[in-house]
C-alpha atoms as a PDB file:
ATOM      1  CA  MET A   1      34.251 131.267  48.757  1.00  0.00           C
ATOM      2  CA  ILE A   2      34.671 127.554  50.011  1.00  0.00           C
ATOM      3  CA  ARG A   3      38.170 127.045  47.643  1.00  0.00           C
ATOM      4  CA  ALA A   4      39.666 123.535  46.757  1.00  0.00           C
ATOM      5  CA  ALA A   5      42.738 123.152  48.368  1.00  0.00           C
ATOM      6  CA  GLY A   6      46.213 123.836  45.687  1.00  0.00           C
ATOM      7  CA  VAL A   7      43.360 125.650  43.542  1.00  0.00           C
ATOM      8  CA  ALA A   8      44.131 129.092  42.719  1.00  0.00           C
ATOM      9  CA  GLU A   9      41.435 131.936  43.370  1.00  0.00           C
ATOM     10  CA  VAL A  10      40.789 134.500  40.763  1.00  0.00           C
ATOM     11  CA  THR A  11      38.831 137.885  40.083  1.00  0.00           C
ATOM     12  CA  ASP A  12      37.334 140.413  38.016  1.00  0.00           C
ATOM     13  CA  THR A  13      40.613 142.071  38.351  1.00  0.00           C
ATOM     14  CA  ASP A  14      44.024 138.958  37.199  1.00  0.00           C
ATOM     15  CA  PHE A  15      41.408 136.838  35.107  1.00  0.00           C
ATOM     16  CA  GLU A  16      42.863 138.509  32.344  1.00  0.00           C
ATOM     17  CA  THR A  17      46.763 137.948  33.084  1.00  0.00           C
ATOM     18  CA  GLU A  18      45.935 135.089  34.948  1.00  0.00           C
ATOM     19  CA  VAL A  19      43.723 132.981  32.666  1.00  0.00           C
ATOM     20  CA  LEU A  20      43.739 134.793  28.909  1.00  0.00           C
ATOM     21  CA  GLY A  21      47.514 134.651  29.571  1.00  0.00           C
ATOM     22  CA  SER A  22      48.748 131.533  30.294  1.00  0.00           C
ATOM     23  CA  GLU A  23      50.684 129.568  29.390  1.00  0.00           C
ATOM     24  CA  LEU A  24      49.327 126.603  30.265  1.00  0.00           C
ATOM     25  CA  PRO A  25      45.721 125.747  29.031  1.00  0.00           C
ATOM     26  CA  VAL A  26      43.226 126.970  31.906  1.00  0.00           C
ATOM     27  CA  LEU A  27      39.849 124.836  33.240  1.00  0.00           C
ATOM     28  CA  VAL A  28      38.220 128.061  35.876  1.00  0.00           C
ATOM     29  CA  GLU A  29      35.532 127.058  37.873  1.00  0.00           C
ATOM     30  CA  PHE A  30      32.557 129.652  38.092  1.00  0.00           C
ATOM     31  CA  THR A  31      31.425 128.573  41.340  1.00  0.00           C
ATOM     32  CA  ALA A  32      29.118 130.153  44.227  1.00  0.00           C
ATOM     33  CA  ASP A  33      29.238 129.614  47.795  1.00  0.00           C
ATOM     34  CA  TRP A  34      25.225 129.163  48.492  1.00  0.00           C
ATOM     35  CA  CYS A  35      25.769 125.922  45.397  1.00  0.00           C
ATOM     36  CA  PRO A  36      25.700 122.700  47.336  1.00  0.00           C
ATOM     37  CA  PRO A  37      27.537 121.578  43.588  1.00  0.00           C
ATOM     38  CA  CYS A  38      30.029 122.958  43.513  1.00  0.00           C
ATOM     39  CA  ARG A  39      31.228 122.130  47.247  1.00  0.00           C
ATOM     40  CA  GLN A  40      31.176 118.392  45.853  1.00  0.00           C
ATOM     41  CA  MET A  41      33.680 119.644  42.793  1.00  0.00           C
ATOM     42  CA  GLY A  42      36.157 120.387  45.794  1.00  0.00           C
ATOM     43  CA  PRO A  43      38.068 117.410  46.221  1.00  0.00           C
ATOM     44  CA  VAL A  44      37.937 117.110  42.470  1.00  0.00           C
ATOM     45  CA  LEU A  45      38.755 120.084  41.320  1.00  0.00           C
ATOM     46  CA  THR A  46      41.976 119.744  44.262  1.00  0.00           C
ATOM     47  CA  ALA A  47      43.091 116.223  43.175  1.00  0.00           C
ATOM     48  CA  LEU A  48      42.722 117.320  39.069  1.00  0.00           C
ATOM     49  CA  ALA A  49      45.552 120.455  39.850  1.00  0.00           C
ATOM     50  CA  ALA A  50      47.621 117.980  41.726  1.00  0.00           C
ATOM     51  CA  GLU A  51      47.610 115.477  39.508  1.00  0.00           C
ATOM     52  CA  GLU A  52      47.544 117.065  35.747  1.00  0.00           C
ATOM     53  CA  GLY A  53      49.709 120.906  37.109  1.00  0.00           C
ATOM     54  CA  GLU A  54      52.302 120.008  34.756  1.00  0.00           C
ATOM     55  CA  ARG A  55      49.639 120.595  31.711  1.00  0.00           C
ATOM     56  CA  LEU A  56      46.789 122.161  33.057  1.00  0.00           C
ATOM     57  CA  LYS A  57      46.346 125.165  35.964  1.00  0.00           C
ATOM     58  CA  VAL A  58      42.796 124.651  37.518  1.00  0.00           C
ATOM     59  CA  VAL A  59      41.444 128.289  38.891  1.00  0.00           C
ATOM     60  CA  GLN A  60      38.080 128.955  40.472  1.00  0.00           C
ATOM     61  CA  LEU A  61      36.440 132.309  40.083  1.00  0.00           C
ATOM     62  CA  ASP A  62      32.886 133.006  42.314  1.00  0.00           C
ATOM     63  CA  VAL A  63      30.373 134.323  40.301  1.00  0.00           C
ATOM     64  CA  ASP A  64      28.793 136.694  43.181  1.00  0.00           C
ATOM     65  CA  THR A  65      32.000 138.508  43.665  1.00  0.00           C
ATOM     66  CA  ASN A  66      33.329 138.669  39.841  1.00  0.00           C
ATOM     67  CA  PRO A  67      29.952 139.800  38.183  1.00  0.00           C
ATOM     68  CA  LEU A  68      32.174 141.371  35.154  1.00  0.00           C
ATOM     69  CA  THR A  69      34.003 137.694  34.134  1.00  0.00           C
ATOM     70  CA  THR A  70      30.846 136.181  35.196  1.00  0.00           C
ATOM     71  CA  ASN A  71      28.696 138.100  32.336  1.00  0.00           C
ATOM     72  CA  ALA A  72      31.345 138.549  29.782  1.00  0.00           C
ATOM     73  CA  TYR A  73      31.402 135.053  29.258  1.00  0.00           C
ATOM     74  CA  LYS A  74      27.453 134.706  30.418  1.00  0.00           C
ATOM     75  CA  VAL A  75      27.843 131.608  33.223  1.00  0.00           C
ATOM     76  CA  LEU A  76      24.347 130.981  34.275  1.00  0.00           C
ATOM     77  CA  SER A  77      24.433 128.033  36.202  1.00  0.00           C
ATOM     78  CA  MET A  78      27.075 126.729  38.981  1.00  0.00           C
ATOM     79  CA  PRO A  79      29.546 124.672  38.372  1.00  0.00           C
ATOM     80  CA  THR A  80      30.122 126.151  35.058  1.00  0.00           C
ATOM     81  CA  PHE A  81      33.806 124.544  33.849  1.00  0.00           C
ATOM     82  CA  MET A  82      35.200 126.789  31.086  1.00  0.00           C
ATOM     83  CA  VAL A  83      38.695 125.127  29.324  1.00  0.00           C
ATOM     84  CA  PHE A  84      41.172 128.278  28.166  1.00  0.00           C
ATOM     85  CA  ARG A  85      43.591 127.988  25.629  1.00  0.00           C
ATOM     86  CA  GLY A  86      45.656 130.852  24.436  1.00  0.00           C
ATOM     87  CA  GLY A  87      43.245 133.393  25.718  1.00  0.00           C
ATOM     88  CA  GLU A  88      40.351 131.630  24.322  1.00  0.00           C
ATOM     89  CA  PRO A  89      37.190 129.654  25.829  1.00  0.00           C
ATOM     90  CA  VAL A  90      37.510 126.050  24.334  1.00  0.00           C
ATOM     91  CA  ARG A  91      35.639 124.064  26.094  1.00  0.00           C
ATOM     92  CA  SER A  92      32.160 124.680  28.445  1.00  0.00           C
ATOM     93  CA  MET A  93      30.955 122.731  30.631  1.00  0.00           C
ATOM     94  CA  VAL A  94      27.805 123.096  33.178  1.00  0.00           C
ATOM     95  CA  GLY A  95      27.078 120.806  35.976  1.00  0.00           C
ATOM     96  CA  ALA A  96      29.437 119.074  38.706  1.00  0.00           C
ATOM     97  CA  ARG A  97      30.706 115.527  36.883  1.00  0.00           C
ATOM     98  CA  PRO A  98      33.121 112.742  39.215  1.00  0.00           C
ATOM     99  CA  LYS A  99      36.591 113.229  38.506  1.00  0.00           C
ATOM    100  CA  ARG A 100      37.025 110.390  35.689  1.00  0.00           C
ATOM    101  CA  ARG A 101      34.482 112.026  33.216  1.00  0.00           C
ATOM    102  CA  LEU A 102      35.912 115.938  33.596  1.00  0.00           C
ATOM    103  CA  LEU A 103      39.330 113.933  32.694  1.00  0.00           C
ATOM    104  CA  GLU A 104      37.574 112.151  29.874  1.00  0.00           C
ATOM    105  CA  GLU A 105      35.796 115.648  28.538  1.00  0.00           C
ATOM    106  CA  LEU A 106      39.304 117.333  28.678  1.00  0.00           C
ATOM    107  CA  THR A 107      41.891 115.386  27.140  1.00  0.00           C
ATOM    108  CA  ASP A 108      41.625 116.957  23.555  1.00  0.00           C
ATOM    109  CA  VAL A 109      42.546 119.977  25.011  1.00  0.00           C
ATOM    110  CA  LEU A 110      45.587 119.279  27.329  1.00  0.00           C
END
């Protein structure tokens, strides 16, 4: 998987600990190597992680190697972004978007 700099990778194994058990809200990008829009989001996620790291944890999950989590949340399109707070998904967004728009969509969950 092509990881965005400064963005952790989560797996089926550690999803519960890293995402559901996080004290901060978590933005999860469900991504895949074969997905061009996912690659476009790399710099956006890197910037977001750097700027909002105090308030928001940003992670990536490779859908091809983590089918359990992908199926559990019925993720069908890449990239799908989900925000988890207190162990629950509170927001879901599908498709690449500029950082400004992504930040706007996260305002009420941060």
